[in-house]
Amino acid sequence: MALGAFLSSGQWEWFVSLTFRAEYVSPKEADRHWQAWLNSLCQACRFRGLERPFYFRVTELQNRGTLHYHALLGNCGDIRRLLFKDIWELNGFARVERYEPSLGACHYVGKYLTKTDGAIRFSHNLKRQLAET
């Protein structure tokens, strides 16, 4: 899969799956929650002197009708993953795992583009990051 190969070129550190507790969360509301979570991560990185994190995110609609995110993130450094799991769990359920290239996380995220209408979002600094690798 070409997208999987493209994503494999990134220096990813986290693989996350973020789900909402509510039966229905509008895309706009879901994106506000994502942005708040990401802003918290950016602040933690800035506090530690790290560059702004970069990400690739796919949105999936679950069978029960609520949105679900799968994302790859980089530039997270030594930030505590479990803290950001706890932060998201104010909204629902979260998995925040270390990225392991051998597990195929890039292909896992990429498959949601063909599985559903999977809306994608990525950080503005992703292109620069991929160009540097």
Protein backbone atom coordinates (compact mmCIF):
# COMPACT_ATOMS: atom_id res chain seq x y z
CA MET A 1 0.00 0.00 0.00
CA ALA A 2 1.56 3.30 -1.14
CA LEU A 3 0.17 5.26 1.78
CA GLY A 4 1.64 2.77 4.24
CA ALA A 5 5.04 3.17 2.62
CA PHE A 6 4.71 6.96 2.73
CA LEU A 7 3.81 6.89 6.41
CA SER A 8 6.63 4.46 7.14
CA SER A 9 9.13 7.19 6.30
CA GLY A 10 8.14 9.25 9.36
CA GLN A 11 9.93 9.22 12.69
CA TRP A 12 6.82 8.22 14.63
CA GLU A 13 6.92 7.73 18.40
CA TRP A 14 3.29 7.12 19.38
CA PHE A 15 0.37 5.20 17.90
CA VAL A 16 -2.96 6.31 19.37
CA SER A 17 -6.58 5.20 19.15
CA LEU A 18 -9.03 7.67 20.67
CA THR A 19 -12.72 6.91 21.11
CA PHE A 20 -15.62 8.96 22.44
CA ARG A 21 -17.84 7.77 25.26
CA ALA A 22 -20.97 9.49 23.94
CA GLU A 23 -23.20 7.74 21.41
CA TYR A 24 -22.91 10.74 19.11
CA VAL A 25 -20.28 13.43 18.90
CA SER A 26 -20.45 15.84 15.97
CA PRO A 27 -17.34 16.07 13.80
CA LYS A 28 -16.90 19.68 14.91
CA GLU A 29 -17.11 18.78 18.60
CA ALA A 30 -14.82 15.78 18.10
CA ASP A 31 -12.25 17.97 16.41
CA ARG A 32 -12.40 20.45 19.31
CA HIS A 33 -11.60 17.60 21.73
CA TRP A 34 -8.73 16.44 19.49
CA GLN A 35 -7.35 19.97 19.27
CA ALA A 36 -7.53 20.46 23.05
CA TRP A 37 -5.71 17.14 23.58
CA LEU A 38 -3.09 18.03 20.97
CA ASN A 39 -2.62 21.52 22.45
CA SER A 40 -1.92 19.92 25.84
CA LEU A 41 0.71 17.74 24.19
CA CYS A 42 2.22 20.75 22.40
CA GLN A 43 2.46 22.63 25.70
CA ALA A 44 4.16 19.67 27.37
CA CYS A 45 6.65 19.47 24.49
CA ARG A 46 7.33 23.20 24.59
CA PHE A 47 7.92 23.00 28.36
CA ARG A 48 10.55 20.30 27.74
CA GLY A 49 12.19 22.25 24.92
CA LEU A 50 10.97 19.89 22.20
CA GLU A 51 9.78 20.87 18.75
CA ARG A 52 6.07 20.88 18.05
CA PRO A 53 4.72 17.33 17.58
CA PHE A 54 3.65 16.23 14.11
CA TYR A 55 0.83 13.82 13.35
CA PHE A 56 -1.20 11.90 10.80
CA ARG A 57 -4.78 11.18 11.86
CA VAL A 58 -7.59 9.11 10.34
CA THR A 59 -11.21 9.40 11.45
CA GLU A 60 -13.37 6.28 11.55
CA LEU A 61 -17.09 6.01 12.21
CA GLN A 62 -17.73 3.13 14.60
CA ASN A 63 -20.66 0.73 14.28
CA ARG A 64 -22.40 2.47 17.18
CA GLY A 65 -22.24 5.74 15.24
CA THR A 66 -19.59 7.67 17.12
CA LEU A 67 -16.28 8.92 15.80
CA HIS A 68 -12.98 7.23 16.54
CA TYR A 69 -9.46 8.45 15.75
CA HIS A 70 -6.33 6.53 14.82
CA ALA A 71 -3.17 8.61 14.72
CA LEU A 72 0.59 8.46 14.48
CA LEU A 73 2.55 11.15 16.31
CA GLY A 74 6.19 12.16 16.37
CA ASN A 75 8.37 14.64 18.29
CA CYS A 76 6.85 13.45 21.57
CA GLY A 77 10.25 12.83 23.14
CA ASP A 78 10.12 11.63 26.72
CA ILE A 79 6.59 12.93 27.35
CA ARG A 80 4.63 10.46 29.48
CA ARG A 81 2.25 8.58 27.17
CA LEU A 82 0.00 7.45 30.00
CA LEU A 83 -0.61 11.05 31.07
CA PHE A 84 -2.07 11.72 27.62
CA LYS A 85 -4.07 8.52 27.78
CA ASP A 86 -5.58 9.80 31.04
CA ILE A 87 -6.26 13.24 29.56
CA TRP A 88 -8.19 11.76 26.62
CA GLU A 89 -10.14 9.42 28.89
CA LEU A 90 -12.09 12.43 30.12
CA ASN A 91 -13.82 12.03 26.71
CA GLY A 92 -13.87 8.26 26.35
CA PHE A 93 -11.36 5.47 25.80
CA ALA A 94 -7.73 5.83 24.70
CA ARG A 95 -4.78 3.71 23.70
CA VAL A 96 -1.50 5.60 23.58
CA GLU A 97 1.27 3.18 22.68
CA ARG A 98 4.90 3.42 21.71
CA TYR A 99 5.21 3.17 17.95
CA GLU A 100 6.79 -0.10 16.88
CA PRO A 101 7.62 -0.16 13.15
CA SER A 102 7.57 -3.97 13.15
CA LEU A 103 3.88 -3.98 14.13
CA GLY A 104 2.84 -2.16 10.98
CA ALA A 105 1.13 0.81 12.61
CA CYS A 106 1.44 2.80 9.38
CA HIS A 107 -0.46 0.16 7.45
CA TYR A 108 -3.00 -0.06 10.28
CA VAL A 109 -3.77 3.65 10.07
CA GLY A 110 -3.67 3.67 6.28
CA LYS A 111 -6.27 0.93 5.90
CA TYR A 112 -8.97 3.18 7.36
CA LEU A 113 -8.73 5.38 4.28
CA THR A 114 -10.02 2.53 2.14
CA LYS A 115 -12.21 0.91 4.80
CA THR A 116 -14.41 3.99 5.28
CA ASP A 117 -14.63 7.51 3.97
CA GLY A 118 -11.88 8.06 6.54
CA ALA A 119 -11.30 11.77 6.80
CA ILE A 120 -7.61 12.45 7.24
CA ARG A 121 -5.82 15.29 8.95
CA PHE A 122 -2.17 15.92 9.40
CA SER A 123 -0.06 18.56 11.02
CA HIS A 124 1.39 21.40 8.98
CA ASN A 125 4.90 20.31 9.96
CA LEU A 126 4.45 16.70 8.75
CA LYS A 127 5.65 17.42 5.20
CA ARG A 128 8.84 19.04 6.51
CA GLN A 129 9.42 16.11 8.88
CA LEU A 130 9.03 13.52 6.11
CA ALA A 131 11.36 15.49 3.83
CA GLU A 132 14.07 15.39 6.51
CA THR A 133 14.00 11.59 6.87
